[in-house]
N, C-alpha and C. Protein backbone atom coordinates (compact mmCIF):
# COMPACT_ATOMS: atom_id res chain seq x y z
N MET A 1 288.44 127.93 38.15
CA MET A 1 288.09 126.87 39.11
C MET A 1 286.60 126.51 38.97
N GLY A 2 286.33 125.26 38.70
CA GLY A 2 284.93 124.83 38.60
C GLY A 2 284.32 125.28 37.29
N GLY A 3 283.55 126.31 37.32
CA GLY A 3 282.89 126.76 36.10
C GLY A 3 281.55 126.06 35.92
N PRO A 4 280.83 126.39 34.86
CA PRO A 4 279.50 125.80 34.63
C PRO A 4 279.57 124.31 34.35
N TYR A 5 280.76 123.80 33.96
CA TYR A 5 280.86 122.38 33.62
C TYR A 5 281.40 121.55 34.79
N GLY A 6 281.65 122.18 35.92
CA GLY A 6 282.21 121.45 37.06
C GLY A 6 281.24 120.39 37.57
N ALA A 7 279.96 120.71 37.61
CA ALA A 7 278.98 119.76 38.14
C ALA A 7 278.62 118.70 37.11
N ALA A 8 278.94 118.94 35.84
CA ALA A 8 278.58 117.99 34.79
C ALA A 8 279.59 116.85 34.71
N ARG A 9 280.79 117.07 35.25
CA ARG A 9 281.82 116.02 35.20
C ARG A 9 281.58 115.01 36.31
N PRO A 10 281.45 113.72 35.99
CA PRO A 10 281.18 112.70 37.01
C PRO A 10 282.25 112.67 38.09
N ASP A 11 283.50 112.96 37.72
CA ASP A 11 284.59 112.90 38.69
C ASP A 11 284.95 114.30 39.18
N GLY A 12 284.11 115.27 38.87
CA GLY A 12 284.41 116.65 39.27
C GLY A 12 284.10 116.88 40.73
N PRO A 13 284.67 117.94 41.31
CA PRO A 13 284.44 118.26 42.72
C PRO A 13 283.04 118.82 42.97
N GLY A 14 282.35 119.22 41.91
CA GLY A 14 281.02 119.81 42.09
C GLY A 14 279.90 118.79 42.06
N ARG A 15 280.26 117.50 41.93
CA ARG A 15 279.21 116.48 41.83
C ARG A 15 278.38 116.43 43.11
N ARG A 16 279.06 116.40 44.26
CA ARG A 16 278.33 116.32 45.53
C ARG A 16 277.45 117.56 45.72
N GLY A 17 277.99 118.72 45.41
CA GLY A 17 277.21 119.94 45.55
C GLY A 17 275.99 119.93 44.65
N ALA A 18 276.16 119.45 43.41
CA ALA A 18 275.04 119.41 42.47
C ALA A 18 273.96 118.46 42.98
N TRP A 19 274.38 117.28 43.45
CA TRP A 19 273.39 116.31 43.95
C TRP A 19 272.70 116.85 45.20
N GLY A 20 273.46 117.56 46.05
CA GLY A 20 272.87 118.15 47.25
C GLY A 20 271.80 119.17 46.87
N LEU A 21 272.12 119.98 45.84
CA LEU A 21 271.16 120.98 45.40
C LEU A 21 269.90 120.31 44.86
N VAL A 22 270.10 119.25 44.07
CA VAL A 22 268.95 118.52 43.52
C VAL A 22 268.09 117.95 44.64
N ALA A 23 268.74 117.38 45.66
CA ALA A 23 268.00 116.79 46.77
C ALA A 23 267.19 117.86 47.51
N VAL A 24 267.81 119.01 47.73
CA VAL A 24 267.12 120.10 48.45
C VAL A 24 265.91 120.57 47.64
N VAL A 25 266.09 120.73 46.33
CA VAL A 25 264.98 121.19 45.49
C VAL A 25 263.84 120.17 45.51
N LEU A 26 264.20 118.88 45.42
CA LEU A 26 263.16 117.84 45.41
C LEU A 26 262.41 117.84 46.75
N LEU A 27 263.17 117.93 47.84
CA LEU A 27 262.53 117.92 49.16
C LEU A 27 261.61 119.13 49.32
N LEU A 28 262.09 120.29 48.87
CA LEU A 28 261.26 121.50 48.99
C LEU A 28 260.01 121.36 48.13
N GLY A 29 260.16 120.81 46.93
CA GLY A 29 259.01 120.63 46.05
C GLY A 29 257.98 119.71 46.67
N VAL A 30 258.44 118.58 47.21
CA VAL A 30 257.51 117.63 47.84
C VAL A 30 256.83 118.28 49.03
N HIS A 31 257.60 119.01 49.83
CA HIS A 31 257.03 119.67 51.01
C HIS A 31 255.96 120.69 50.60
N LEU A 32 256.26 121.46 49.56
CA LEU A 32 255.31 122.48 49.12
C LEU A 32 254.05 121.82 48.56
N VAL A 33 254.23 120.75 47.79
CA VAL A 33 253.07 120.06 47.21
C VAL A 33 252.22 119.46 48.32
N ARG A 34 252.87 118.85 49.30
CA ARG A 34 252.12 118.26 50.42
C ARG A 34 251.38 119.35 51.19
N GLY A 35 252.06 120.46 51.46
CA GLY A 35 251.42 121.55 52.19
C GLY A 35 250.24 122.10 51.41
N GLY A 36 250.40 122.26 50.09
CA GLY A 36 249.32 122.78 49.27
C GLY A 36 248.12 121.85 49.27
N THR A 37 248.36 120.55 49.12
CA THR A 37 247.24 119.60 49.10
C THR A 37 246.58 119.54 50.46
N ASP A 38 247.37 119.63 51.53
CA ASP A 38 246.79 119.61 52.88
C ASP A 38 245.91 120.84 53.08
N GLU A 39 246.35 121.99 52.60
CA GLU A 39 245.56 123.21 52.76
C GLU A 39 244.26 123.11 51.95
N LEU A 40 244.34 122.51 50.76
CA LEU A 40 243.14 122.36 49.95
C LEU A 40 242.17 121.39 50.61
N ARG A 41 242.71 120.36 51.24
CA ARG A 41 241.86 119.36 51.89
C ARG A 41 241.20 119.93 53.15
N ALA A 42 241.90 120.79 53.85
CA ALA A 42 241.38 121.28 55.14
C ALA A 42 240.13 122.14 54.98
C-alpha cells in the first residue's frame, strides 16, 4: 500500500499528504528565518 512512489503519482492517494508536508516545511522554514532575522535585528 502506497510505498515510496505513492506521493510521486499525480493521481495517487499520497498527493495531498505530500503537498501538506511540503506546505508545513515551507511554513516552518519561513517562520524560522523570520524569527532568526528578528532576533538578529533586535
